[in-house]
Amino acid sequence: MADPIIDPARDRPLSFHWRSVDDDWIKRLDLPQPRSTDYGRARAAILTEAVIAARYEGGRSVSYSRRREFYAG
């Protein structure tokens, strides 16, 4: 099976390993206020990862599994 992190033909897995140093660019997106600090941090991490994938990885998409079983174990 191909490694999704290395294989450019696959979506980039959402990892939450990236964080923006400055969130001013997110504020300019004119999104609704986050419901909580944790929600705001999660949204910023997702947006940052999407920018990295789009800009530095040839426009790759970012994806995550919605199945709980995927993360079990």
C-alpha atoms as a PDB file:
ATOM      1  CA  MET A   1       0.000   0.000   0.000  1.00  0.00           C
ATOM      2  CA  ALA A   2       1.310   3.471  -0.884  1.00  0.00           C
ATOM      3  CA  ASP A   3       2.221   5.854   1.915  1.00  0.00           C
ATOM      4  CA  PRO A   4      -0.345   8.723   1.719  1.00  0.00           C
ATOM      5  CA  ILE A   5       2.173  11.216   3.112  1.00  0.00           C
ATOM      6  CA  ILE A   6       4.697  10.469   0.355  1.00  0.00           C
ATOM      7  CA  ASP A   7       2.440   9.473  -2.555  1.00  0.00           C
ATOM      8  CA  PRO A   8       1.377  12.717  -4.316  1.00  0.00           C
ATOM      9  CA  ALA A   9      -1.504  10.917  -6.041  1.00  0.00           C
ATOM     10  CA  ARG A  10      -3.280  10.533  -2.695  1.00  0.00           C
ATOM     11  CA  ASP A  11      -4.859  13.089  -0.391  1.00  0.00           C
ATOM     12  CA  ARG A  12      -2.678  14.435   2.391  1.00  0.00           C
ATOM     13  CA  PRO A  13      -3.894  13.044   5.718  1.00  0.00           C
ATOM     14  CA  LEU A  14      -4.966  15.651   8.243  1.00  0.00           C
ATOM     15  CA  SER A  15      -2.345  15.449  10.974  1.00  0.00           C
ATOM     16  CA  PHE A  16      -2.767  18.530  13.191  1.00  0.00           C
ATOM     17  CA  HIS A  17       1.037  18.799  13.223  1.00  0.00           C
ATOM     18  CA  TRP A  18       1.057  22.284  11.717  1.00  0.00           C
ATOM     19  CA  ARG A  19       0.212  25.557  13.360  1.00  0.00           C
ATOM     20  CA  SER A  20       0.269  29.055  11.918  1.00  0.00           C
ATOM     21  CA  VAL A  21       2.591  31.521  13.626  1.00  0.00           C
ATOM     22  CA  ASP A  22       0.278  34.389  12.769  1.00  0.00           C
ATOM     23  CA  ASP A  23      -3.495  33.925  12.400  1.00  0.00           C
ATOM     24  CA  ASP A  24      -4.152  37.325  10.778  1.00  0.00           C
ATOM     25  CA  TRP A  25      -4.595  35.645   7.384  1.00  0.00           C
ATOM     26  CA  ILE A  26      -7.384  33.515   8.862  1.00  0.00           C
ATOM     27  CA  LYS A  27      -9.148  36.613  10.176  1.00  0.00           C
ATOM     28  CA  ARG A  28      -9.117  38.066   6.638  1.00  0.00           C
ATOM     29  CA  LEU A  29     -11.150  35.069   5.448  1.00  0.00           C
ATOM     30  CA  ASP A  30     -14.133  36.647   7.217  1.00  0.00           C
ATOM     31  CA  LEU A  31     -15.257  33.370   8.799  1.00  0.00           C
ATOM     32  CA  PRO A  32     -17.703  33.316  11.701  1.00  0.00           C
ATOM     33  CA  GLN A  33     -16.207  33.574  15.167  1.00  0.00           C
ATOM     34  CA  PRO A  34     -15.222  30.142  16.493  1.00  0.00           C
ATOM     35  CA  ARG A  35     -17.541  28.691  19.140  1.00  0.00           C
ATOM     36  CA  SER A  36     -14.620  28.046  21.463  1.00  0.00           C
ATOM     37  CA  THR A  37     -10.851  28.387  21.708  1.00  0.00           C
ATOM     38  CA  ASP A  38     -10.418  24.688  20.906  1.00  0.00           C
ATOM     39  CA  TYR A  39     -12.647  25.012  17.840  1.00  0.00           C
ATOM     40  CA  GLY A  40     -10.618  28.017  16.693  1.00  0.00           C
ATOM     41  CA  ARG A  41      -7.341  26.128  17.104  1.00  0.00           C
ATOM     42  CA  ALA A  42      -8.688  23.118  15.214  1.00  0.00           C
ATOM     43  CA  ARG A  43      -9.976  25.308  12.385  1.00  0.00           C
ATOM     44  CA  ALA A  44      -6.642  27.129  12.159  1.00  0.00           C
ATOM     45  CA  ALA A  45      -4.758  23.811  12.025  1.00  0.00           C
ATOM     46  CA  ILE A  46      -7.018  22.490   9.249  1.00  0.00           C
ATOM     47  CA  LEU A  47      -6.693  25.685   7.213  1.00  0.00           C
ATOM     48  CA  THR A  48      -2.916  25.758   7.680  1.00  0.00           C
ATOM     49  CA  GLU A  49      -2.607  22.155   6.533  1.00  0.00           C
ATOM     50  CA  ALA A  50      -4.781  22.901   3.483  1.00  0.00           C
ATOM     51  CA  VAL A  51      -2.567  25.853   2.525  1.00  0.00           C
ATOM     52  CA  ILE A  52       0.572  23.721   2.873  1.00  0.00           C
ATOM     53  CA  ALA A  53      -0.908  20.980   0.705  1.00  0.00           C
ATOM     54  CA  ALA A  54      -2.157  23.382  -1.949  1.00  0.00           C
ATOM     55  CA  ARG A  55       0.912  25.582  -2.117  1.00  0.00           C
ATOM     56  CA  TYR A  56       3.791  23.209  -1.535  1.00  0.00           C
ATOM     57  CA  GLU A  57       2.446  19.846  -2.627  1.00  0.00           C
ATOM     58  CA  GLY A  58       1.019  20.584  -6.043  1.00  0.00           C
ATOM     59  CA  GLY A  59      -2.539  21.279  -4.972  1.00  0.00           C
ATOM     60  CA  ARG A  60      -3.113  18.078  -3.015  1.00  0.00           C
ATOM     61  CA  SER A  61      -6.295  17.822  -1.013  1.00  0.00           C
ATOM     62  CA  VAL A  62      -6.414  17.224   2.729  1.00  0.00           C
ATOM     63  CA  SER A  63      -8.643  14.479   4.074  1.00  0.00           C
ATOM     64  CA  TYR A  64      -9.522  12.686   7.280  1.00  0.00           C
ATOM     65  CA  SER A  65     -11.473   9.579   8.122  1.00  0.00           C
ATOM     66  CA  ARG A  66     -14.866  10.059   9.742  1.00  0.00           C
ATOM     67  CA  ARG A  67     -14.951   6.422  10.858  1.00  0.00           C
ATOM     68  CA  ARG A  68     -14.085   6.009  14.543  1.00  0.00           C
ATOM     69  CA  GLU A  69     -12.720   2.555  13.798  1.00  0.00           C
ATOM     70  CA  PHE A  70     -10.004   4.131  11.660  1.00  0.00           C
ATOM     71  CA  TYR A  71      -8.470   5.734  14.759  1.00  0.00           C
ATOM     72  CA  ALA A  72      -9.105   2.844  17.175  1.00  0.00           C
ATOM     73  CA  GLY A  73      -6.148   0.909  18.499  1.00  0.00           C
END
